[in-house]
N, C-alpha and C. Protein backbone atom coordinates (compact mmCIF):
# COMPACT_ATOMS: atom_id res chain seq x y z
N UNK A 1 -15.70 7.78 -18.51
CA UNK A 1 -15.74 8.53 -17.13
C UNK A 1 -16.44 7.77 -16.33
N UNK A 2 -16.41 6.98 -15.35
CA UNK A 2 -17.07 6.16 -14.45
C UNK A 2 -17.60 6.93 -13.35
N UNK A 3 -19.09 6.99 -13.27
CA UNK A 3 -20.07 7.39 -12.36
C UNK A 3 -19.31 7.00 -10.76
N UNK A 4 -19.36 8.30 -9.67
CA UNK A 4 -19.46 7.63 -8.32
C UNK A 4 -19.88 6.43 -7.98
N UNK A 5 -20.92 5.86 -8.20
CA UNK A 5 -21.01 4.39 -7.60
C UNK A 5 -19.94 3.60 -8.01
N UNK A 6 -19.65 3.78 -9.21
CA UNK A 6 -18.51 2.86 -9.95
C UNK A 6 -17.23 2.97 -9.13
N UNK A 7 -16.96 4.45 -8.59
CA UNK A 7 -15.65 4.53 -8.28
C UNK A 7 -15.64 4.09 -6.96
N UNK A 8 -17.01 4.49 -6.11
CA UNK A 8 -16.96 3.83 -4.70
C UNK A 8 -16.62 2.13 -4.57
N UNK A 9 -17.34 1.30 -6.08
CA UNK A 9 -17.60 0.09 -5.61
C UNK A 9 -15.94 -0.50 -5.92
N UNK A 10 -15.37 0.31 -7.19
CA UNK A 10 -14.14 -0.26 -7.74
C UNK A 10 -12.92 0.43 -7.40
N UNK A 11 -13.10 1.18 -6.92
CA UNK A 11 -11.96 1.71 -6.34
C UNK A 11 -11.47 1.04 -5.07
N UNK A 12 -10.39 0.54 -4.55
CA UNK A 12 -10.14 -0.40 -3.66
C UNK A 12 -9.64 0.20 -2.47
N UNK A 13 -9.35 1.29 -2.80
CA UNK A 13 -8.68 2.07 -1.46
C UNK A 13 -9.03 2.71 -0.33
N UNK A 14 -9.33 2.47 0.81
CA UNK A 14 -9.99 3.06 2.00
C UNK A 14 -9.24 2.63 2.97
N UNK A 15 -9.11 3.76 4.18
CA UNK A 15 -8.60 3.18 5.44
C UNK A 15 -7.21 2.72 5.74
N UNK A 16 -7.09 1.40 5.98
CA UNK A 16 -6.19 0.74 6.10
C UNK A 16 -5.20 0.66 5.17
N UNK A 17 -5.97 0.39 3.68
CA UNK A 17 -5.27 0.16 2.65
C UNK A 17 -4.37 1.78 2.16
N UNK A 18 -5.02 2.46 2.11
CA UNK A 18 -4.35 3.97 2.29
C UNK A 18 -3.16 4.13 3.24
N UNK A 19 -3.27 3.99 4.33
CA UNK A 19 -2.24 3.73 5.58
C UNK A 19 -0.74 3.09 5.34
N UNK A 20 -1.45 1.52 4.66
CA UNK A 20 -0.32 0.73 4.20
C UNK A 20 0.61 1.44 2.85
N UNK A 21 -0.41 1.94 1.93
CA UNK A 21 0.38 2.10 0.73
C UNK A 21 1.62 3.49 1.14
N UNK A 22 0.61 4.43 2.10
CA UNK A 22 1.65 5.44 2.28
C UNK A 22 2.74 5.05 2.87
N UNK A 23 2.86 4.07 3.93
CA UNK A 23 3.92 3.63 4.75
C UNK A 23 4.93 2.87 4.06
N UNK A 24 4.47 2.24 2.73
CA UNK A 24 5.42 1.55 2.04
C UNK A 24 6.13 2.50 1.24
N UNK A 25 5.36 4.01 0.66
CA UNK A 25 6.01 4.78 -0.22
C UNK A 25 7.12 5.45 0.82
N UNK A 26 6.51 6.02 2.10
CA UNK A 26 7.57 6.74 3.22
C UNK A 26 8.65 5.62 3.26
N UNK A 27 8.41 4.27 3.40
CA UNK A 27 9.87 3.72 3.33
C UNK A 27 11.06 3.67 2.34
N UNK A 28 10.02 3.90 1.27
CA UNK A 28 11.26 3.87 -0.01
C UNK A 28 11.96 5.18 0.05
N UNK A 29 11.17 6.43 0.46
CA UNK A 29 11.68 7.82 0.29
C UNK A 29 12.51 7.56 1.54
N UNK A 30 12.39 7.05 2.57
CA UNK A 30 13.63 6.85 3.47
C UNK A 30 14.85 6.37 3.16
N UNK A 31 14.39 5.10 2.62
CA UNK A 31 15.75 4.21 2.18
C UNK A 31 16.68 5.39 1.05
N UNK A 32 16.01 6.13 0.36
CA UNK A 32 16.69 7.02 -0.79
C UNK A 32 17.26 8.14 0.44
N UNK A 33 16.35 8.71 1.38
CA UNK A 33 17.13 9.61 2.19
C UNK A 33 18.28 8.83 3.05
N UNK A 34 18.43 7.67 3.61
CA UNK A 34 19.14 7.16 4.10
C UNK A 34 20.41 7.05 3.29
N UNK A 35 20.39 6.55 1.92
CA UNK A 35 21.61 6.82 0.98
C UNK A 35 22.41 7.93 0.93
N UNK A 36 21.17 9.20 0.94
CA UNK A 36 21.70 10.61 0.69
C UNK A 36 22.58 10.85 1.37
N UNK A 37 22.21 10.52 2.67
CA UNK A 37 22.62 10.73 4.21
C UNK A 37 24.20 10.33 4.25
N UNK A 38 24.13 8.71 3.82
CA UNK A 38 25.48 8.35 4.18
C UNK A 38 26.48 8.81 2.95
N UNK A 39 26.08 9.29 1.85
CA UNK A 39 27.03 10.07 0.76
C UNK A 39 27.07 11.40 1.67
N UNK A 40 26.59 12.02 2.35
CA UNK A 40 26.78 13.32 3.29
C UNK A 40 27.85 13.09 3.88
N UNK A 41 27.73 11.74 4.93
CA UNK A 41 28.22 11.56 5.83
C UNK A 41 29.97 11.19 5.49
N UNK A 42 29.70 10.47 4.59
CA UNK A 42 31.21 10.12 3.70
C UNK A 42 31.81 11.37 3.34
N UNK A 43 30.99 12.58 2.90
CA UNK A 43 31.83 13.69 2.19
C UNK A 43 32.16 14.35 3.37
N UNK A 44 31.41 14.58 4.63
CA UNK A 44 31.81 14.82 5.59
C UNK A 44 32.99 14.66 6.29
N UNK A 45 32.99 13.32 6.55
CA UNK A 45 34.22 12.64 6.84
C UNK A 45 35.21 12.91 6.38
N UNK A 46 35.41 13.47 4.94
CA UNK A 46 36.61 13.68 4.52
C UNK A 46 37.01 14.79 4.49
N UNK A 47 35.89 15.93 4.43
CA UNK A 47 36.16 17.35 4.55
C UNK A 47 36.80 17.97 6.07
N UNK A 48 35.69 16.96 6.99
CA UNK A 48 36.36 17.49 8.66
C UNK A 48 37.93 17.48 9.24
N UNK A 49 38.38 16.36 8.34
CA UNK A 49 39.69 16.51 8.96
C UNK A 49 40.32 17.82 8.21
N UNK A 50 39.85 18.13 7.14
CA UNK A 50 40.54 19.70 6.89
C UNK A 50 40.22 20.56 7.48
N UNK A 51 39.24 20.71 8.25
CA UNK A 51 38.75 21.90 8.90
C UNK A 51 39.30 21.66 10.46
N UNK A 52 40.20 20.57 10.89
CA UNK A 52 40.90 20.58 11.72
C UNK A 52 42.08 21.63 12.14
N UNK A 53 42.17 21.89 10.86
CA UNK A 53 43.25 23.22 10.87
C UNK A 53 42.50 24.63 11.24
N UNK A 54 41.39 24.56 10.97
CA UNK A 54 40.41 25.75 11.12
C UNK A 54 39.22 25.48 11.91
N UNK A 55 39.57 25.11 13.23
CA UNK A 55 38.09 24.71 14.20
C UNK A 55 37.28 25.61 14.05
N UNK A 56 37.32 26.72 14.08
CA UNK A 56 36.26 27.83 14.17
C UNK A 56 35.20 27.82 13.06
N UNK A 57 35.43 27.21 11.85
CA UNK A 57 34.53 26.81 11.03
C UNK A 57 33.99 25.50 10.70
N UNK A 58 34.29 24.69 12.32
CA UNK A 58 33.69 23.44 12.04
C UNK A 58 32.34 23.59 12.10
N UNK A 59 31.65 24.49 12.92
CA UNK A 59 30.02 24.53 13.16
C UNK A 59 29.30 24.62 11.90
N UNK A 60 30.10 25.35 10.74
CA UNK A 60 29.28 25.47 9.54
C UNK A 60 29.00 23.78 8.87
N UNK A 61 29.90 23.43 8.38
CA UNK A 61 29.47 22.00 7.94
C UNK A 61 28.48 21.31 8.74
N UNK A 62 28.54 21.14 10.15
CA UNK A 62 27.70 20.28 11.07
C UNK A 62 26.33 20.94 10.60
N UNK A 63 25.96 22.32 10.66
CA UNK A 63 24.38 22.76 10.77
C UNK A 63 24.26 22.41 9.09
N UNK A 64 24.93 22.80 8.11
CA UNK A 64 24.58 22.13 7.12
C UNK A 64 24.46 20.90 6.60
N UNK A 65 24.98 20.11 7.43
CA UNK A 65 24.73 18.68 7.06
C UNK A 65 23.47 18.33 8.06
N UNK A 66 23.07 19.06 8.96
CA UNK A 66 21.79 18.82 9.71
C UNK A 66 20.66 19.45 8.66
N UNK A 67 20.84 20.39 8.45
CA UNK A 67 19.95 21.36 7.52
C UNK A 67 19.40 20.18 6.05
N UNK A 68 20.68 19.94 5.53
CA UNK A 68 20.10 18.89 4.36
C UNK A 68 19.52 17.70 4.82
N UNK A 69 19.69 16.97 5.83
CA UNK A 69 18.97 16.14 6.43
C UNK A 69 17.42 16.18 7.00
N UNK A 70 17.30 17.52 7.28
CA UNK A 70 16.20 17.84 7.56
C UNK A 70 15.25 18.40 6.16
N UNK A 71 15.96 18.91 5.21
CA UNK A 71 15.46 19.18 4.35
C UNK A 71 14.81 17.90 3.06
N UNK A 72 16.01 16.93 3.18
CA UNK A 72 15.73 15.49 2.42
C UNK A 72 14.53 15.13 3.57
N UNK A 73 14.37 14.59 4.50
CA UNK A 73 13.56 14.16 5.01
C UNK A 73 11.93 14.63 5.10
N UNK A 74 11.89 15.82 4.69
CA UNK A 74 10.79 16.77 4.84
C UNK A 74 10.08 16.42 3.27
N UNK A 75 11.36 16.33 2.24
CA UNK A 75 10.96 16.26 1.18
C UNK A 75 10.34 14.74 0.73
N UNK A 76 11.05 13.88 1.26
CA UNK A 76 10.42 12.57 1.21
C UNK A 76 9.01 12.13 1.99
N UNK A 77 8.66 12.63 3.29
CA UNK A 77 7.50 12.63 3.53
C UNK A 77 6.41 13.55 2.69
N UNK A 78 6.86 14.82 2.08
CA UNK A 78 5.87 15.51 1.16
C UNK A 78 5.75 14.45 -0.13
N UNK A 79 6.68 13.73 -0.68
CA UNK A 79 6.72 13.38 -2.10
C UNK A 79 5.76 12.16 -1.54
N UNK A 80 6.18 11.39 -0.38
CA UNK A 80 5.32 10.08 -0.10
C UNK A 80 3.86 10.47 0.01
N UNK A 81 3.33 11.45 0.50
CA UNK A 81 2.10 12.16 0.68
C UNK A 81 1.55 12.23 -0.75
N UNK A 82 2.34 12.95 -1.36
CA UNK A 82 1.52 13.22 -2.46
C UNK A 82 1.29 11.88 -3.65
N UNK A 83 2.12 11.45 -3.83
CA UNK A 83 2.52 10.32 -4.54
C UNK A 83 1.36 9.19 -4.14
N UNK A 84 0.98 8.97 -2.84
CA UNK A 84 -0.24 8.20 -2.11
C UNK A 84 -1.28 8.78 -2.63
N UNK A 85 -1.58 10.11 -2.67
CA UNK A 85 -3.09 10.66 -2.87
C UNK A 85 -2.92 10.46 -4.31
N UNK A 86 -1.96 10.75 -5.07
CA UNK A 86 -2.29 10.63 -6.48
C UNK A 86 -2.53 9.19 -7.31
N UNK A 87 -2.00 8.31 -6.53
CA UNK A 87 -1.98 6.66 -6.52
C UNK A 87 -3.57 6.47 -6.64
N UNK A 88 -3.91 6.51 -5.46
CA UNK A 88 -5.39 6.63 -5.18
C UNK A 88 -6.29 7.12 -5.85
N UNK A 89 -6.13 8.09 -6.45
CA UNK A 89 -7.10 9.22 -7.35
C UNK A 89 -6.97 8.14 -8.98
N UNK A 90 -5.80 7.21 -9.14
CA UNK A 90 -5.77 6.92 -10.40
C UNK A 90 -5.89 5.60 -10.62
N UNK A 91 -6.18 4.75 -9.65
CA UNK A 91 -5.91 3.08 -9.36
C UNK A 91 -7.54 2.76 -9.28
N UNK A 92 -8.00 2.19 -10.40
CA UNK A 92 -9.48 1.49 -10.62
C UNK A 92 -9.23 0.29 -11.07
N UNK A 93 -10.18 -0.71 -10.75
CA UNK A 93 -10.63 -1.59 -11.19
C UNK A 93 -12.14 -1.88 -11.77
N UNK A 94 -12.32 -2.62 -12.51
CA UNK A 94 -13.83 -2.99 -12.70
C UNK A 94 -13.93 -4.04 -13.59
N UNK A 95 -15.02 -5.01 -13.21
CA UNK A 95 -15.30 -6.09 -14.32
C UNK A 95 -16.27 -5.48 -15.30
N UNK A 96 -16.42 -5.80 -16.31
CA UNK A 96 -16.70 -4.71 -17.49
C UNK A 96 -17.77 -5.97 -18.16
N UNK A 97 -18.67 -6.07 -19.14
CA UNK A 97 -19.26 -6.86 -19.71
C UNK A 97 -18.55 -7.97 -20.44
N UNK A 98 -17.66 -7.56 -21.11
CA UNK A 98 -16.75 -8.79 -21.79
C UNK A 98 -15.50 -8.80 -21.52
N UNK A 99 -14.86 -8.25 -20.76
CA UNK A 99 -13.46 -7.93 -20.03
C UNK A 99 -13.20 -7.74 -18.89
N UNK A 100 -12.13 -7.30 -18.29
CA UNK A 100 -11.61 -7.22 -16.81
C UNK A 100 -11.04 -5.76 -17.09
N UNK A 101 -11.27 -4.71 -16.46
CA UNK A 101 -10.60 -3.25 -16.99
C UNK A 101 -9.81 -3.20 -15.54
N UNK A 102 -8.58 -2.25 -15.74
CA UNK A 102 -8.15 -1.77 -14.78
C UNK A 102 -6.81 -0.80 -15.03
N UNK A 103 -7.14 0.19 -14.11
CA UNK A 103 -6.01 1.44 -14.38
C UNK A 103 -5.11 2.12 -13.47
N UNK A 104 -4.05 2.11 -13.43
CA UNK A 104 -3.07 2.63 -12.42
C UNK A 104 -1.86 3.07 -13.19
N UNK A 105 -1.23 4.21 -12.11
CA UNK A 105 0.22 4.68 -12.51
C UNK A 105 -0.25 6.25 -12.44
N UNK A 106 0.87 6.85 -11.78
CA UNK A 106 0.67 8.45 -11.76
C UNK A 106 1.56 8.85 -12.68
N UNK A 107 2.78 8.56 -13.16
CA UNK A 107 4.07 8.96 -14.08
C UNK A 107 3.56 8.69 -14.95
N UNK A 108 3.27 7.17 -15.30
CA UNK A 108 2.87 6.53 -16.46
C UNK A 108 2.08 5.73 -16.49
N UNK A 109 0.60 6.06 -16.47
CA UNK A 109 -0.52 5.44 -16.46
C UNK A 109 -0.73 4.43 -17.18
N UNK A 110 -1.10 3.20 -17.01
CA UNK A 110 -1.39 2.25 -18.04
C UNK A 110 -2.61 1.33 -17.70
N UNK A 111 -3.33 1.16 -18.70
CA UNK A 111 -4.72 0.46 -18.93
C UNK A 111 -4.55 -0.94 -18.87
N UNK A 112 -5.19 -1.86 -18.55
CA UNK A 112 -5.17 -3.43 -19.01
C UNK A 112 -6.54 -3.57 -18.90
N UNK A 113 -6.71 -4.43 -20.32
CA UNK A 113 -8.10 -4.87 -20.43
C UNK A 113 -8.09 -6.46 -20.43
N UNK A 114 -8.67 -7.02 -19.86
CA UNK A 114 -8.49 -8.71 -19.89
C UNK A 114 -9.81 -9.44 -20.35
N UNK A 115 -9.87 -9.78 -21.61
CA UNK A 115 -10.90 -10.78 -21.83
C UNK A 115 -11.17 -12.00 -20.75
N UNK A 116 -12.70 -12.31 -20.44
CA UNK A 116 -12.72 -13.02 -19.75
C UNK A 116 -12.51 -14.48 -20.07
N UNK A 117 -12.21 -14.72 -21.37
CA UNK A 117 -12.01 -15.85 -22.07
C UNK A 117 -10.52 -16.40 -22.08
N UNK A 118 -9.93 -15.03 -21.68
CA UNK A 118 -8.42 -15.22 -21.94
C UNK A 118 -8.02 -15.44 -20.26
N UNK A 119 -8.78 -15.33 -19.52
CA UNK A 119 -8.20 -15.58 -18.03
C UNK A 119 -8.15 -16.96 -17.60
N UNK A 120 -6.91 -17.18 -17.21
CA UNK A 120 -6.73 -18.52 -16.88
C UNK A 120 -6.70 -18.71 -15.38
N UNK A 121 -6.60 -17.97 -14.60
CA UNK A 121 -6.18 -18.58 -13.27
C UNK A 121 -6.25 -17.00 -12.56
N UNK A 122 -7.02 -17.53 -10.98
CA UNK A 122 -7.24 -16.12 -10.19
C UNK A 122 -6.40 -16.32 -8.88
N UNK A 123 -5.36 -15.96 -8.46
CA UNK A 123 -5.01 -16.16 -6.74
C UNK A 123 -5.23 -15.04 -6.01
N UNK A 124 -5.61 -15.22 -4.72
CA UNK A 124 -6.01 -14.57 -3.72
C UNK A 124 -4.42 -14.23 -2.87
N UNK A 125 -3.63 -13.14 -2.80
CA UNK A 125 -2.74 -13.62 -2.13
C UNK A 125 -2.25 -12.44 -0.71
N UNK A 126 -1.78 -12.94 -0.12
CA UNK A 126 -1.59 -11.94 1.52
C UNK A 126 -0.32 -12.03 2.29
N UNK A 127 0.51 -10.96 2.00
CA UNK A 127 2.09 -10.79 2.31
C UNK A 127 2.08 -10.84 3.70
N UNK A 128 3.14 -10.90 4.24
CA UNK A 128 3.06 -10.17 5.57
C UNK A 128 2.81 -8.93 6.01
N UNK A 129 3.44 -8.07 5.13
CA UNK A 129 2.75 -6.68 5.06
C UNK A 129 1.35 -6.59 4.78
N UNK A 130 0.91 -7.28 4.07
CA UNK A 130 -0.54 -7.12 3.93
C UNK A 130 -1.18 -7.68 4.92
N UNK A 131 -0.88 -8.63 6.00
CA UNK A 131 -1.40 -9.01 7.12
C UNK A 131 -1.86 -8.00 8.08
N UNK A 132 -0.34 -7.15 8.40
CA UNK A 132 -0.35 -6.19 9.17
C UNK A 132 -1.89 -5.23 9.01
N UNK A 133 -2.27 -5.17 7.89
CA UNK A 133 -3.07 -4.04 7.71
C UNK A 133 -4.89 -4.82 7.20
N UNK A 134 -4.40 -6.13 7.32
CA UNK A 134 -5.39 -6.91 7.03
C UNK A 134 -6.22 -6.89 5.37
N UNK A 135 -5.06 -7.00 4.45
CA UNK A 135 -5.50 -6.52 3.02
C UNK A 135 -5.01 -7.78 2.47
N UNK A 136 -5.51 -7.79 1.19
CA UNK A 136 -5.52 -9.06 0.19
C UNK A 136 -5.12 -8.51 -0.86
N UNK A 137 -4.13 -9.43 -1.87
CA UNK A 137 -4.00 -8.76 -3.49
C UNK A 137 -4.62 -10.07 -3.86
N UNK A 138 -5.18 -9.58 -5.39
CA UNK A 138 -5.46 -10.56 -5.81
C UNK A 138 -4.88 -10.53 -7.65
N UNK A 139 -4.07 -11.70 -7.90
CA UNK A 139 -3.40 -11.85 -9.16
C UNK A 139 -4.33 -12.69 -10.00
N UNK A 140 -4.55 -11.74 -11.18
CA UNK A 140 -5.31 -12.45 -12.32
C UNK A 140 -4.27 -12.67 -13.35
N UNK A 141 -3.98 -14.11 -14.00
CA UNK A 141 -3.48 -14.50 -14.72
C UNK A 141 -4.19 -14.79 -15.80
N UNK A 142 -3.11 -14.55 -17.20
CA UNK A 142 -4.26 -14.32 -18.42
C UNK A 142 -3.25 -14.84 -19.60
N UNK A 143 -4.07 -15.48 -20.72
CA UNK A 143 -3.26 -15.62 -21.77
C UNK A 143 -3.27 -14.72 -22.76
N UNK A 144 -3.26 -13.37 -22.35
CA UNK A 144 -3.40 -11.97 -23.23
C UNK A 144 -1.51 -11.62 -22.98
N UNK A 145 -0.95 -11.51 -24.03
CA UNK A 145 0.41 -11.12 -24.40
C UNK A 145 0.48 -9.70 -23.65
N UNK A 146 -0.51 -8.54 -24.04
CA UNK A 146 -0.89 -7.05 -23.59
C UNK A 146 -0.53 -7.18 -22.38
N UNK A 147 -1.10 -7.83 -21.46
CA UNK A 147 -0.89 -7.91 -19.86
C UNK A 147 0.29 -8.45 -19.31
N UNK A 148 1.35 -8.91 -20.06
CA UNK A 148 2.48 -9.43 -19.68
C UNK A 148 2.04 -10.44 -19.05
N UNK A 149 0.86 -11.09 -18.50
CA UNK A 149 0.55 -12.32 -18.46
C UNK A 149 -0.51 -12.18 -17.02
N UNK A 150 -0.01 -11.35 -16.74
CA UNK A 150 -1.01 -11.00 -15.30
C UNK A 150 -1.21 -9.77 -14.89
N UNK A 151 -2.32 -9.72 -13.97
CA UNK A 151 -2.92 -7.93 -13.44
C UNK A 151 -2.81 -8.37 -12.19
N UNK A 152 -2.41 -7.64 -11.27
CA UNK A 152 -2.59 -7.40 -9.84
C UNK A 152 -3.28 -6.37 -9.32
N UNK A 153 -4.34 -6.56 -8.71
CA UNK A 153 -5.40 -5.68 -7.55
C UNK A 153 -4.78 -5.92 -6.70
N UNK A 154 -4.23 -4.76 -5.50
CA UNK A 154 -3.90 -4.77 -4.53
C UNK A 154 -4.89 -3.83 -3.66
N UNK A 155 -4.50 -4.01 -2.04
CA UNK A 155 -5.39 -3.00 -1.01
C UNK A 155 -6.65 -3.27 -0.88
N UNK A 156 -7.04 -4.85 -1.25
CA UNK A 156 -8.56 -5.44 -1.37
C UNK A 156 -8.55 -6.32 0.11
N UNK A 157 -9.80 -5.68 0.48
CA UNK A 157 -10.47 -6.36 1.91
C UNK A 157 -10.79 -7.82 1.57
N UNK A 158 -10.98 -8.63 2.94
CA UNK A 158 -10.81 -10.18 2.18
C UNK A 158 -12.29 -9.75 1.44
N UNK A 159 -13.23 -9.51 2.24
CA UNK A 159 -14.67 -9.56 1.76
C UNK A 159 -14.64 -8.85 0.33
N UNK A 160 -14.20 -8.21 -0.05
CA UNK A 160 -14.23 -7.46 -1.61
C UNK A 160 -13.44 -8.38 -2.52
N UNK A 161 -12.28 -9.12 -2.14
CA UNK A 161 -11.19 -9.85 -2.77
C UNK A 161 -12.21 -10.97 -2.97
N UNK A 162 -12.66 -11.75 -2.24
CA UNK A 162 -13.75 -12.59 -2.50
C UNK A 162 -14.81 -12.46 -3.16
N UNK A 163 -15.47 -11.32 -3.17
CA UNK A 163 -16.67 -11.16 -4.14
C UNK A 163 -16.26 -10.82 -5.79
N UNK A 164 -14.81 -10.08 -5.53
CA UNK A 164 -14.55 -9.82 -6.95
C UNK A 164 -14.17 -11.19 -7.75
N UNK A 165 -13.13 -12.20 -6.82
CA UNK A 165 -13.11 -13.39 -7.54
C UNK A 165 -14.41 -14.00 -7.80
N UNK A 166 -15.41 -14.10 -7.09
CA UNK A 166 -16.36 -14.85 -7.43
C UNK A 166 -17.17 -14.36 -8.67
N UNK A 167 -17.28 -12.77 -8.87
CA UNK A 167 -17.76 -12.33 -9.87
C UNK A 167 -16.99 -12.92 -11.35
N UNK A 168 -15.59 -12.81 -11.26
CA UNK A 168 -14.84 -13.05 -12.27
C UNK A 168 -14.97 -14.27 -12.46
N UNK A 169 -14.85 -15.39 -11.63
CA UNK A 169 -15.25 -16.94 -12.23
C UNK A 169 -16.50 -17.04 -12.81
N UNK A 170 -17.61 -16.05 -12.17
CA UNK A 170 -19.12 -16.43 -13.04
C UNK A 170 -18.88 -15.91 -14.55
N UNK A 171 -18.15 -14.54 -14.44
CA UNK A 171 -18.18 -14.33 -15.65
C UNK A 171 -17.35 -15.16 -16.81
N UNK A 172 -16.48 -15.48 -16.41
CA UNK A 172 -15.58 -16.53 -16.77
C UNK A 172 -16.05 -18.00 -17.07
N UNK A 173 -17.06 -18.43 -16.42
CA UNK A 173 -17.73 -19.53 -16.76
C UNK A 173 -18.80 -19.41 -17.69
N UNK A 174 -19.56 -18.06 -17.60
CA UNK A 174 -20.40 -17.64 -18.81
C UNK A 174 -19.42 -17.39 -19.66
N UNK A 175 -18.78 -17.00 -20.15
CA UNK A 175 -18.09 -16.86 -21.59
C UNK A 175 -17.73 -18.05 -22.33
N UNK A 176 -16.91 -18.92 -20.99
CA UNK A 176 -16.48 -20.12 -21.74
C UNK A 176 -17.64 -20.82 -21.95
N UNK A 177 -18.94 -21.24 -21.42
CA UNK A 177 -20.06 -21.75 -21.96
C UNK A 177 -20.69 -21.42 -23.15
N UNK A 178 -20.49 -20.13 -23.61
CA UNK A 178 -21.30 -19.79 -24.66
C UNK A 178 -19.89 -19.99 -25.99
N UNK A 179 -18.85 -20.40 -25.73
CA UNK A 179 -17.89 -20.42 -26.44
C UNK A 179 -17.68 -21.89 -27.01
N UNK A 180 -17.92 -22.97 -25.85
CA UNK A 180 -17.63 -24.04 -26.07
C UNK A 180 -18.78 -24.80 -26.63
């Protein structure tokens, strides 16, 4: 278990990163909501003509439809909030003595250990979405099969990303000098 100093130093998400991740989760849930609502509209379009014969019952399907949309939207917002909060609790990275460690995942947590001698390259990336929030991602490429060739640390400020990259490069040089 990491102490609070390590968690503060190596838990990347603060402020705008939290907001960005919440918004991206909310967008995913809203897309799911859109698909569900589209299905409901299709079903309603099929059933409404049948109700034309009984117009007094037309209000019932409309209220049911609006109620379902409200419940789905509320569920999406609650789910996005919960997932974002839980993800930030579980995502942590740390350069350790002989390897780089990262832990992420809410439902299926994964742990990645990349020995410094196996790191091949480090890229700092910034997507359009990251630029909106002033965030950076760092992709660490390795020759380690168990990491599937890379690990991504996202939600970093530029200063933190540069500091982490410098620290990893120094550790890589130190290991490779001893090995050579």
